[in-house]
Amino acid sequence: MGLQQYAPSIMPGLLQTEAYARNLLRAAGPIDEDALAEDVVARMSRQDLLDREDDQPEYRAIIDEAVLRRPLADPKEWLGQLAHLRHVAERPNVTLQVAPLAVGLHGLTNTDATFLWLADGRMVAYVETGYSGELVEDARNVDRLRRSYDHLRDIVLSPRESSDVITQYMEEAPCEPPG
């Protein structure tokens, strides 16, 4: 099994820290603290997928530089998120690449897309916005999205260059909240 993802505006769920998930879920609208806590636990539990001993999936994520330019309000939480991102990228089953803003417009510019290979060998895609998502199963549409993803993968930073960019953002992050 394998997963590939492109994230144009927010950190992918599989790469989020608890603080990032909590802030993101709060930003979506009013939510009571119990529901928020449950949603954060659910999101964090999905990350076990990358750590399991058997049938560990290959995961490739391309995150747009815009994701790195949109920090959390708390600088310590943001540094924690960046450190977590760099740490996860060191796993043998994870490949992380950054799409610099200089790449310009491309086939997935406004599309958060995740590709999943099913047990029967078929690939499906899941595309989403902040308010809805859609499972794409039609082979022609999946292929069109996949070609856009492949083209993007070929023009973004390498995993090593991406790690260097994340380190640069860590070094440039403020230590104290603006004030």
N, C-alpha and C. Protein backbone atom coordinates (compact mmCIF):
# COMPACT_ATOMS: atom_id res chain seq x y z
N MET A 1 0.84 -1.18 0.00
CA MET A 1 0.00 0.00 0.00
C MET A 1 0.88 1.24 0.00
N GLY A 2 0.44 2.26 -0.67
CA GLY A 2 1.17 3.50 -0.70
C GLY A 2 0.22 4.69 -0.70
N LEU A 3 0.71 5.79 -0.21
CA LEU A 3 -0.04 7.04 -0.18
C LEU A 3 0.84 8.13 -0.75
N GLN A 4 0.23 8.98 -1.58
CA GLN A 4 0.91 10.17 -2.05
C GLN A 4 -0.03 11.33 -1.84
N GLN A 5 0.52 12.48 -1.48
CA GLN A 5 -0.33 13.62 -1.16
C GLN A 5 0.32 14.92 -1.58
N TYR A 6 -0.53 15.85 -2.01
CA TYR A 6 -0.09 17.22 -2.23
C TYR A 6 -0.94 18.12 -1.35
N ALA A 7 -0.29 18.98 -0.59
CA ALA A 7 -0.98 19.89 0.32
C ALA A 7 -0.65 21.33 -0.07
N PRO A 8 -1.63 22.07 -0.63
CA PRO A 8 -1.36 23.43 -1.07
C PRO A 8 -1.42 24.49 0.01
N SER A 9 -2.11 24.21 1.13
CA SER A 9 -2.31 25.32 2.08
C SER A 9 -2.18 24.96 3.55
N ILE A 10 -2.38 23.72 3.93
CA ILE A 10 -2.23 23.32 5.33
C ILE A 10 -1.38 22.07 5.43
N MET A 11 -0.82 21.86 6.61
CA MET A 11 -0.01 20.68 6.87
C MET A 11 -0.88 19.43 6.73
N PRO A 12 -0.43 18.43 6.00
CA PRO A 12 -1.21 17.19 5.91
C PRO A 12 -1.43 16.58 7.29
N GLY A 13 -2.60 15.99 7.48
CA GLY A 13 -2.95 15.41 8.77
C GLY A 13 -1.93 14.41 9.28
N LEU A 14 -1.34 13.61 8.39
CA LEU A 14 -0.35 12.62 8.81
C LEU A 14 0.95 13.26 9.29
N LEU A 15 1.10 14.56 9.08
CA LEU A 15 2.33 15.25 9.47
C LEU A 15 2.10 16.29 10.56
N GLN A 16 0.88 16.41 11.04
CA GLN A 16 0.55 17.44 12.03
C GLN A 16 0.93 17.03 13.45
N THR A 17 1.32 18.02 14.24
CA THR A 17 1.46 17.82 15.68
C THR A 17 0.09 18.03 16.30
N GLU A 18 -0.04 17.65 17.57
CA GLU A 18 -1.31 17.90 18.28
C GLU A 18 -1.64 19.38 18.31
N ALA A 19 -0.64 20.22 18.53
CA ALA A 19 -0.88 21.66 18.59
C ALA A 19 -1.39 22.19 17.25
N TYR A 20 -0.79 21.74 16.17
CA TYR A 20 -1.22 22.19 14.84
C TYR A 20 -2.66 21.74 14.60
N ALA A 21 -2.95 20.48 14.87
CA ALA A 21 -4.31 19.95 14.66
C ALA A 21 -5.32 20.73 15.49
N ARG A 22 -5.00 20.98 16.74
CA ARG A 22 -5.90 21.71 17.62
C ARG A 22 -6.18 23.13 17.08
N ASN A 23 -5.12 23.83 16.67
CA ASN A 23 -5.28 25.17 16.12
C ASN A 23 -6.08 25.16 14.83
N LEU A 24 -5.82 24.20 13.98
CA LEU A 24 -6.53 24.10 12.70
C LEU A 24 -8.01 23.81 12.92
N LEU A 25 -8.31 22.88 13.80
CA LEU A 25 -9.71 22.53 14.06
C LEU A 25 -10.45 23.69 14.72
N ARG A 26 -9.79 24.41 15.58
CA ARG A 26 -10.41 25.60 16.19
C ARG A 26 -10.70 26.67 15.14
N ALA A 27 -9.79 26.83 14.19
CA ALA A 27 -9.95 27.86 13.15
C ALA A 27 -11.14 27.57 12.25
N ALA A 28 -11.55 26.31 12.16
CA ALA A 28 -12.65 25.94 11.28
C ALA A 28 -14.00 26.43 11.80
N GLY A 29 -14.07 26.79 13.07
CA GLY A 29 -15.32 27.30 13.60
C GLY A 29 -15.54 26.86 15.03
N PRO A 30 -16.62 27.31 15.61
CA PRO A 30 -16.88 26.98 17.01
C PRO A 30 -16.95 25.47 17.22
N ILE A 31 -16.27 25.03 18.27
CA ILE A 31 -16.27 23.62 18.62
C ILE A 31 -16.07 23.53 20.13
N ASP A 32 -16.84 22.67 20.78
CA ASP A 32 -16.66 22.55 22.22
C ASP A 32 -15.38 21.76 22.51
N GLU A 33 -14.83 21.99 23.69
CA GLU A 33 -13.52 21.43 24.04
C GLU A 33 -13.50 19.90 24.02
N ASP A 34 -14.60 19.25 24.42
CA ASP A 34 -14.64 17.79 24.40
C ASP A 34 -14.58 17.26 22.96
N ALA A 35 -15.36 17.87 22.07
CA ALA A 35 -15.34 17.46 20.66
C ALA A 35 -13.98 17.74 20.04
N LEU A 36 -13.39 18.87 20.39
CA LEU A 36 -12.07 19.21 19.89
C LEU A 36 -11.04 18.17 20.32
N ALA A 37 -11.07 17.81 21.59
CA ALA A 37 -10.13 16.81 22.11
C ALA A 37 -10.30 15.47 21.39
N GLU A 38 -11.54 15.07 21.15
CA GLU A 38 -11.81 13.81 20.44
C GLU A 38 -11.28 13.87 19.01
N ASP A 39 -11.50 15.00 18.33
CA ASP A 39 -11.04 15.14 16.95
C ASP A 39 -9.52 15.12 16.88
N VAL A 40 -8.85 15.75 17.83
CA VAL A 40 -7.39 15.75 17.84
C VAL A 40 -6.86 14.34 18.08
N VAL A 41 -7.45 13.62 19.02
CA VAL A 41 -7.02 12.24 19.29
C VAL A 41 -7.22 11.37 18.04
N ALA A 42 -8.36 11.54 17.37
CA ALA A 42 -8.63 10.76 16.15
C ALA A 42 -7.58 11.06 15.08
N ARG A 43 -7.27 12.34 14.89
CA ARG A 43 -6.30 12.73 13.88
C ARG A 43 -4.92 12.16 14.22
N MET A 44 -4.52 12.25 15.47
CA MET A 44 -3.20 11.75 15.87
C MET A 44 -3.14 10.22 15.73
N SER A 45 -4.23 9.53 16.00
CA SER A 45 -4.22 8.06 15.91
C SER A 45 -4.02 7.59 14.48
N ARG A 46 -4.43 8.40 13.50
CA ARG A 46 -4.22 8.02 12.10
C ARG A 46 -2.73 7.97 11.75
N GLN A 47 -1.93 8.72 12.48
CA GLN A 47 -0.50 8.74 12.21
C GLN A 47 0.18 7.42 12.55
N ASP A 48 -0.50 6.57 13.34
CA ASP A 48 0.04 5.25 13.65
C ASP A 48 0.26 4.44 12.37
N LEU A 49 -0.45 4.79 11.32
CA LEU A 49 -0.32 4.12 10.03
C LEU A 49 1.14 4.14 9.57
N LEU A 50 1.84 5.23 9.81
CA LEU A 50 3.22 5.35 9.35
C LEU A 50 4.21 4.59 10.23
N ASP A 51 3.78 4.21 11.43
CA ASP A 51 4.68 3.57 12.39
C ASP A 51 4.48 2.07 12.54
N ARG A 52 3.43 1.54 11.96
CA ARG A 52 3.14 0.14 12.25
C ARG A 52 4.26 -0.78 11.75
N GLU A 53 4.38 -1.89 12.43
CA GLU A 53 5.46 -2.84 12.15
C GLU A 53 5.24 -3.58 10.83
N ASP A 54 4.03 -4.06 10.63
CA ASP A 54 3.71 -4.84 9.43
C ASP A 54 3.00 -3.97 8.42
N ASP A 55 3.27 -4.22 7.16
CA ASP A 55 2.56 -3.55 6.07
C ASP A 55 2.65 -2.03 6.19
N GLN A 56 3.83 -1.55 6.49
CA GLN A 56 4.06 -0.12 6.63
C GLN A 56 3.99 0.53 5.24
N PRO A 57 3.12 1.52 5.06
CA PRO A 57 2.98 2.11 3.73
C PRO A 57 4.11 3.07 3.39
N GLU A 58 4.36 3.19 2.11
CA GLU A 58 5.24 4.26 1.62
C GLU A 58 4.38 5.51 1.55
N TYR A 59 4.88 6.60 2.09
CA TYR A 59 4.14 7.86 2.10
C TYR A 59 5.00 8.95 1.51
N ARG A 60 4.49 9.60 0.47
CA ARG A 60 5.18 10.74 -0.15
C ARG A 60 4.26 11.93 -0.04
N ALA A 61 4.78 13.01 0.54
CA ALA A 61 4.00 14.23 0.66
C ALA A 61 4.77 15.37 0.00
N ILE A 62 4.05 16.13 -0.80
CA ILE A 62 4.58 17.37 -1.34
C ILE A 62 3.78 18.47 -0.66
N ILE A 63 4.47 19.34 0.05
CA ILE A 63 3.78 20.46 0.68
C ILE A 63 4.21 21.74 0.00
N ASP A 64 3.24 22.58 -0.26
CA ASP A 64 3.54 23.86 -0.87
C ASP A 64 4.27 24.74 0.14
N GLU A 65 5.15 25.59 -0.35
CA GLU A 65 5.87 26.51 0.54
C GLU A 65 4.90 27.38 1.33
N ALA A 66 3.72 27.63 0.79
CA ALA A 66 2.71 28.42 1.51
C ALA A 66 2.39 27.81 2.87
N VAL A 67 2.46 26.48 2.97
CA VAL A 67 2.22 25.80 4.25
C VAL A 67 3.27 26.24 5.27
N LEU A 68 4.51 26.36 4.82
CA LEU A 68 5.60 26.75 5.72
C LEU A 68 5.57 28.24 6.03
N ARG A 69 4.91 29.01 5.22
CA ARG A 69 4.82 30.46 5.43
C ARG A 69 3.61 30.85 6.28
N ARG A 70 2.79 29.88 6.66
CA ARG A 70 1.60 30.14 7.46
C ARG A 70 1.79 29.50 8.84
N PRO A 71 2.51 30.20 9.73
CA PRO A 71 2.85 29.59 11.03
C PRO A 71 1.68 29.61 12.00
N LEU A 72 1.83 28.87 13.05
CA LEU A 72 0.90 28.95 14.17
C LEU A 72 1.19 30.23 14.94
N ALA A 73 0.21 30.71 15.69
CA ALA A 73 0.37 31.95 16.45
C ALA A 73 1.44 31.82 17.54
N ASP A 74 1.54 30.65 18.13
CA ASP A 74 2.53 30.42 19.18
C ASP A 74 3.83 29.94 18.54
N PRO A 75 4.90 30.73 18.62
CA PRO A 75 6.17 30.35 17.98
C PRO A 75 6.73 29.01 18.46
N LYS A 76 6.54 28.68 19.73
CA LYS A 76 7.05 27.40 20.24
C LYS A 76 6.30 26.23 19.61
N GLU A 77 4.98 26.39 19.47
CA GLU A 77 4.20 25.34 18.81
C GLU A 77 4.60 25.21 17.34
N TRP A 78 4.88 26.34 16.70
CA TRP A 78 5.28 26.31 15.30
C TRP A 78 6.65 25.64 15.14
N LEU A 79 7.59 25.98 16.02
CA LEU A 79 8.90 25.31 15.97
C LEU A 79 8.76 23.82 16.20
N GLY A 80 7.86 23.45 17.11
CA GLY A 80 7.59 22.04 17.34
C GLY A 80 7.04 21.35 16.11
N GLN A 81 6.17 22.04 15.38
CA GLN A 81 5.61 21.47 14.15
C GLN A 81 6.70 21.30 13.10
N LEU A 82 7.54 22.29 12.93
CA LEU A 82 8.62 22.18 11.94
C LEU A 82 9.61 21.08 12.31
N ALA A 83 9.94 20.98 13.60
CA ALA A 83 10.86 19.92 14.05
C ALA A 83 10.22 18.54 13.81
N HIS A 84 8.93 18.44 14.08
CA HIS A 84 8.21 17.18 13.84
C HIS A 84 8.24 16.83 12.36
N LEU A 85 8.02 17.81 11.53
CA LEU A 85 8.02 17.60 10.08
C LEU A 85 9.37 17.06 9.62
N ARG A 86 10.43 17.69 10.09
CA ARG A 86 11.77 17.24 9.72
C ARG A 86 12.05 15.83 10.24
N HIS A 87 11.60 15.54 11.46
CA HIS A 87 11.80 14.22 12.06
C HIS A 87 11.06 13.13 11.27
N VAL A 88 9.80 13.38 10.95
CA VAL A 88 9.02 12.39 10.20
C VAL A 88 9.65 12.13 8.84
N ALA A 89 10.19 13.17 8.22
CA ALA A 89 10.80 13.03 6.90
C ALA A 89 12.03 12.14 6.91
N GLU A 90 12.59 11.87 8.08
CA GLU A 90 13.76 11.01 8.19
C GLU A 90 13.40 9.52 8.20
N ARG A 91 12.13 9.21 8.33
CA ARG A 91 11.71 7.80 8.34
C ARG A 91 11.94 7.19 6.96
N PRO A 92 12.31 5.91 6.94
CA PRO A 92 12.61 5.28 5.64
C PRO A 92 11.39 5.15 4.72
N ASN A 93 10.20 5.15 5.27
CA ASN A 93 8.99 4.99 4.46
C ASN A 93 8.33 6.32 4.11
N VAL A 94 8.98 7.44 4.45
CA VAL A 94 8.40 8.76 4.21
C VAL A 94 9.33 9.57 3.31
N THR A 95 8.75 10.17 2.29
CA THR A 95 9.47 11.10 1.42
C THR A 95 8.72 12.42 1.46
N LEU A 96 9.43 13.47 1.80
CA LEU A 96 8.82 14.79 1.91
C LEU A 96 9.51 15.75 0.96
N GLN A 97 8.72 16.48 0.19
CA GLN A 97 9.26 17.47 -0.72
C GLN A 97 8.48 18.77 -0.56
N VAL A 98 9.17 19.88 -0.75
CA VAL A 98 8.57 21.20 -0.69
C VAL A 98 8.45 21.75 -2.10
N ALA A 99 7.27 22.28 -2.42
CA ALA A 99 7.05 22.96 -3.69
C ALA A 99 7.25 24.45 -3.46
N PRO A 100 8.39 25.00 -3.89
CA PRO A 100 8.63 26.42 -3.66
C PRO A 100 7.62 27.28 -4.43
N LEU A 101 7.36 28.46 -3.91
CA LEU A 101 6.44 29.37 -4.57
C LEU A 101 6.89 29.67 -6.00
N ALA A 102 8.19 29.64 -6.24
CA ALA A 102 8.73 29.94 -7.56
C ALA A 102 8.29 28.94 -8.63
N VAL A 103 7.78 27.78 -8.21
CA VAL A 103 7.27 26.80 -9.17
C VAL A 103 6.12 27.41 -9.98
N GLY A 104 5.42 28.35 -9.37
CA GLY A 104 4.31 29.01 -10.07
C GLY A 104 3.07 28.14 -10.10
N LEU A 105 2.16 28.49 -11.00
CA LEU A 105 0.92 27.73 -11.13
C LEU A 105 1.20 26.37 -11.74
N HIS A 106 0.44 25.37 -11.31
CA HIS A 106 0.59 24.01 -11.81
C HIS A 106 -0.76 23.31 -11.71
N GLY A 107 -0.83 22.09 -12.15
CA GLY A 107 -2.10 21.36 -12.24
C GLY A 107 -2.82 21.10 -10.94
N LEU A 108 -2.14 21.23 -9.80
CA LEU A 108 -2.78 21.00 -8.49
C LEU A 108 -2.75 22.24 -7.61
N THR A 109 -2.53 23.41 -8.19
CA THR A 109 -2.37 24.63 -7.41
C THR A 109 -3.45 24.80 -6.35
N ASN A 110 -4.69 24.52 -6.68
CA ASN A 110 -5.78 24.73 -5.73
C ASN A 110 -6.45 23.42 -5.32
N THR A 111 -5.72 22.32 -5.37
CA THR A 111 -6.31 21.02 -5.10
C THR A 111 -5.49 20.24 -4.09
N ASP A 112 -6.04 20.04 -2.90
CA ASP A 112 -5.42 19.14 -1.94
C ASP A 112 -5.79 17.74 -2.40
N ALA A 113 -4.81 16.95 -2.76
CA ALA A 113 -5.08 15.63 -3.34
C ALA A 113 -4.27 14.55 -2.65
N THR A 114 -4.93 13.43 -2.39
CA THR A 114 -4.28 12.26 -1.81
C THR A 114 -4.57 11.07 -2.72
N PHE A 115 -3.54 10.30 -3.01
CA PHE A 115 -3.67 9.12 -3.86
C PHE A 115 -3.42 7.88 -3.01
N LEU A 116 -4.26 6.88 -3.20
CA LEU A 116 -4.17 5.66 -2.42
C LEU A 116 -4.28 4.46 -3.35
N TRP A 117 -3.35 3.52 -3.22
CA TRP A 117 -3.42 2.27 -3.96
C TRP A 117 -4.23 1.28 -3.14
N LEU A 118 -5.24 0.69 -3.75
CA LEU A 118 -6.09 -0.29 -3.08
C LEU A 118 -5.48 -1.67 -3.22
N ALA A 119 -5.98 -2.60 -2.41
CA ALA A 119 -5.45 -3.97 -2.41
C ALA A 119 -5.57 -4.63 -3.77
N ASP A 120 -6.57 -4.24 -4.56
CA ASP A 120 -6.75 -4.85 -5.88
C ASP A 120 -5.88 -4.20 -6.95
N GLY A 121 -5.01 -3.26 -6.55
CA GLY A 121 -4.10 -2.62 -7.49
C GLY A 121 -4.61 -1.33 -8.09
N ARG A 122 -5.87 -1.03 -7.91
CA ARG A 122 -6.42 0.23 -8.43
C ARG A 122 -5.96 1.39 -7.58
N MET A 123 -5.94 2.56 -8.20
CA MET A 123 -5.64 3.77 -7.47
C MET A 123 -6.89 4.64 -7.43
N VAL A 124 -7.12 5.25 -6.28
CA VAL A 124 -8.19 6.23 -6.13
C VAL A 124 -7.55 7.51 -5.62
N ALA A 125 -8.29 8.59 -5.77
CA ALA A 125 -7.82 9.89 -5.28
C ALA A 125 -8.89 10.47 -4.38
N TYR A 126 -8.45 11.24 -3.41
CA TYR A 126 -9.35 11.98 -2.55
C TYR A 126 -8.94 13.43 -2.64
N VAL A 127 -9.85 14.27 -3.09
CA VAL A 127 -9.57 15.70 -3.19
C VAL A 127 -10.47 16.42 -2.20
N GLU A 128 -9.94 17.51 -1.62
CA GLU A 128 -10.73 18.18 -0.60
C GLU A 128 -10.45 19.66 -0.52
N THR A 129 -11.42 20.32 0.09
CA THR A 129 -11.29 21.72 0.49
C THR A 129 -11.43 21.72 2.00
N GLY A 130 -11.48 22.89 2.59
CA GLY A 130 -11.66 22.98 4.03
C GLY A 130 -13.06 22.56 4.47
N TYR A 131 -13.98 22.43 3.52
CA TYR A 131 -15.38 22.18 3.88
C TYR A 131 -15.96 20.91 3.29
N SER A 132 -15.29 20.31 2.34
CA SER A 132 -15.83 19.08 1.76
C SER A 132 -14.71 18.29 1.09
N GLY A 133 -15.01 17.05 0.82
CA GLY A 133 -14.07 16.19 0.14
C GLY A 133 -14.80 15.27 -0.82
N GLU A 134 -14.05 14.73 -1.76
CA GLU A 134 -14.66 13.86 -2.76
C GLU A 134 -13.71 12.72 -3.09
N LEU A 135 -14.22 11.51 -3.07
CA LEU A 135 -13.46 10.35 -3.50
C LEU A 135 -13.58 10.24 -5.01
N VAL A 136 -12.45 10.20 -5.69
CA VAL A 136 -12.43 10.11 -7.15
C VAL A 136 -12.02 8.69 -7.51
N GLU A 137 -12.93 7.95 -8.13
CA GLU A 137 -12.66 6.56 -8.49
C GLU A 137 -12.56 6.34 -10.00
N ASP A 138 -13.16 7.23 -10.78
CA ASP A 138 -13.12 7.10 -12.23
C ASP A 138 -11.67 7.13 -12.69
N ALA A 139 -11.24 6.09 -13.39
CA ALA A 139 -9.84 5.93 -13.77
C ALA A 139 -9.31 7.11 -14.57
N ARG A 140 -10.12 7.68 -15.45
CA ARG A 140 -9.65 8.82 -16.26
C ARG A 140 -9.37 10.03 -15.39
N ASN A 141 -10.26 10.29 -14.44
CA ASN A 141 -10.06 11.45 -13.56
C ASN A 141 -8.89 11.23 -12.60
N VAL A 142 -8.76 10.02 -12.09
CA VAL A 142 -7.63 9.70 -11.22
C VAL A 142 -6.32 9.87 -12.00
N ASP A 143 -6.31 9.37 -13.25
CA ASP A 143 -5.11 9.47 -14.07
C ASP A 143 -4.75 10.93 -14.34
N ARG A 144 -5.74 11.75 -14.61
CA ARG A 144 -5.48 13.19 -14.85
C ARG A 144 -4.85 13.84 -13.62
N LEU A 145 -5.41 13.55 -12.44
CA LEU A 145 -4.85 14.08 -11.20
C LEU A 145 -3.44 13.55 -10.96
N ARG A 146 -3.27 12.28 -11.22
CA ARG A 146 -1.96 11.64 -10.99
C ARG A 146 -0.89 12.23 -11.89
N ARG A 147 -1.22 12.50 -13.16
CA ARG A 147 -0.25 13.11 -14.06
C ARG A 147 0.16 14.50 -13.56
N SER A 148 -0.81 15.24 -13.03
CA SER A 148 -0.49 16.56 -12.45
C SER A 148 0.44 16.40 -11.26
N TYR A 149 0.18 15.39 -10.43
CA TYR A 149 1.02 15.13 -9.27
C TYR A 149 2.44 14.75 -9.71
N ASP A 150 2.53 13.85 -10.69
CA ASP A 150 3.84 13.41 -11.16
C ASP A 150 4.65 14.57 -11.74
N HIS A 151 3.98 15.43 -12.50
CA HIS A 151 4.67 16.60 -13.05
C HIS A 151 5.18 17.50 -11.91
N LEU A 152 4.33 17.73 -10.92
CA LEU A 152 4.72 18.56 -9.79
C LEU A 152 5.91 17.94 -9.05
N ARG A 153 5.84 16.65 -8.80
CA ARG A 153 6.93 15.95 -8.10
C ARG A 153 8.26 16.15 -8.81
N ASP A 154 8.21 16.22 -10.14
CA ASP A 154 9.44 16.35 -10.92
C ASP A 154 10.04 17.75 -10.88
N ILE A 155 9.27 18.77 -10.48
CA ILE A 155 9.79 20.15 -10.53
C ILE A 155 9.98 20.77 -9.15
N VAL A 156 9.63 20.06 -8.08
CA VAL A 156 9.79 20.61 -6.73
C VAL A 156 11.18 20.29 -6.19
N LEU A 157 11.45 20.76 -4.98
CA LEU A 157 12.74 20.51 -4.35
C LEU A 157 12.92 19.03 -4.04
N SER A 158 14.16 18.58 -4.05
CA SER A 158 14.46 17.21 -3.66
C SER A 158 14.19 17.04 -2.16
N PRO A 159 14.10 15.81 -1.68
CA PRO A 159 13.93 15.62 -0.24
C PRO A 159 15.04 16.30 0.58
N ARG A 160 16.28 16.23 0.14
CA ARG A 160 17.38 16.88 0.87
C ARG A 160 17.22 18.40 0.87
N GLU A 161 16.93 18.96 -0.28
CA GLU A 161 16.71 20.41 -0.37
C GLU A 161 15.51 20.83 0.47
N SER A 162 14.49 19.99 0.49
CA SER A 162 13.29 20.28 1.27
C SER A 162 13.60 20.31 2.76
N SER A 163 14.42 19.36 3.22
CA SER A 163 14.84 19.35 4.62
C SER A 163 15.62 20.62 4.96
N ASP A 164 16.45 21.06 4.04
CA ASP A 164 17.22 22.29 4.25
C ASP A 164 16.29 23.51 4.35
N VAL A 165 15.25 23.55 3.54
CA VAL A 165 14.30 24.66 3.59
C VAL A 165 13.55 24.66 4.92
N ILE A 166 13.15 23.49 5.38
CA ILE A 166 12.46 23.40 6.67
C ILE A 166 13.39 23.89 7.79
N THR A 167 14.64 23.48 7.74
CA THR A 167 15.63 23.95 8.72
C THR A 167 15.76 25.47 8.66
N GLN A 168 15.78 26.02 7.48
CA GLN A 168 15.87 27.48 7.32
C GLN A 168 14.66 28.16 7.96
N TYR A 169 13.47 27.61 7.77
CA TYR A 169 12.28 28.19 8.39
C TYR A 169 12.37 28.09 9.92
N MET A 170 12.94 27.01 10.42
CA MET A 170 13.12 26.87 11.86
C MET A 170 14.05 27.95 12.39
N GLU A 171 15.13 28.21 11.67
CA GLU A 171 16.11 29.19 12.10
C GLU A 171 15.55 30.62 12.04
N GLU A 172 14.64 30.86 11.11
CA GLU A 172 14.07 32.20 10.94
C GLU A 172 12.84 32.46 11.82
N ALA A 173 12.30 31.41 12.42
CA ALA A 173 11.09 31.57 13.23
C ALA A 173 11.38 32.40 14.47
N PRO A 174 10.46 33.28 14.82
CA PRO A 174 10.65 34.08 16.05
C PRO A 174 10.57 33.20 17.28
N CYS A 175 11.23 33.60 18.32
CA CYS A 175 11.22 32.84 19.57
C CYS A 175 10.05 33.25 20.48
N GLU A 176 9.56 34.45 20.28
CA GLU A 176 8.48 34.98 21.12
C GLU A 176 7.30 35.38 20.23
N PRO A 177 6.10 35.30 20.79
CA PRO A 177 4.94 35.77 20.02
C PRO A 177 5.06 37.24 19.69
N PRO A 178 4.55 37.65 18.51
CA PRO A 178 4.60 39.07 18.18
C PRO A 178 3.81 39.88 19.20
N GLY A 179 4.30 41.09 19.47
CA GLY A 179 3.65 41.72 20.42
C GLY A 179 3.26 42.90 20.93
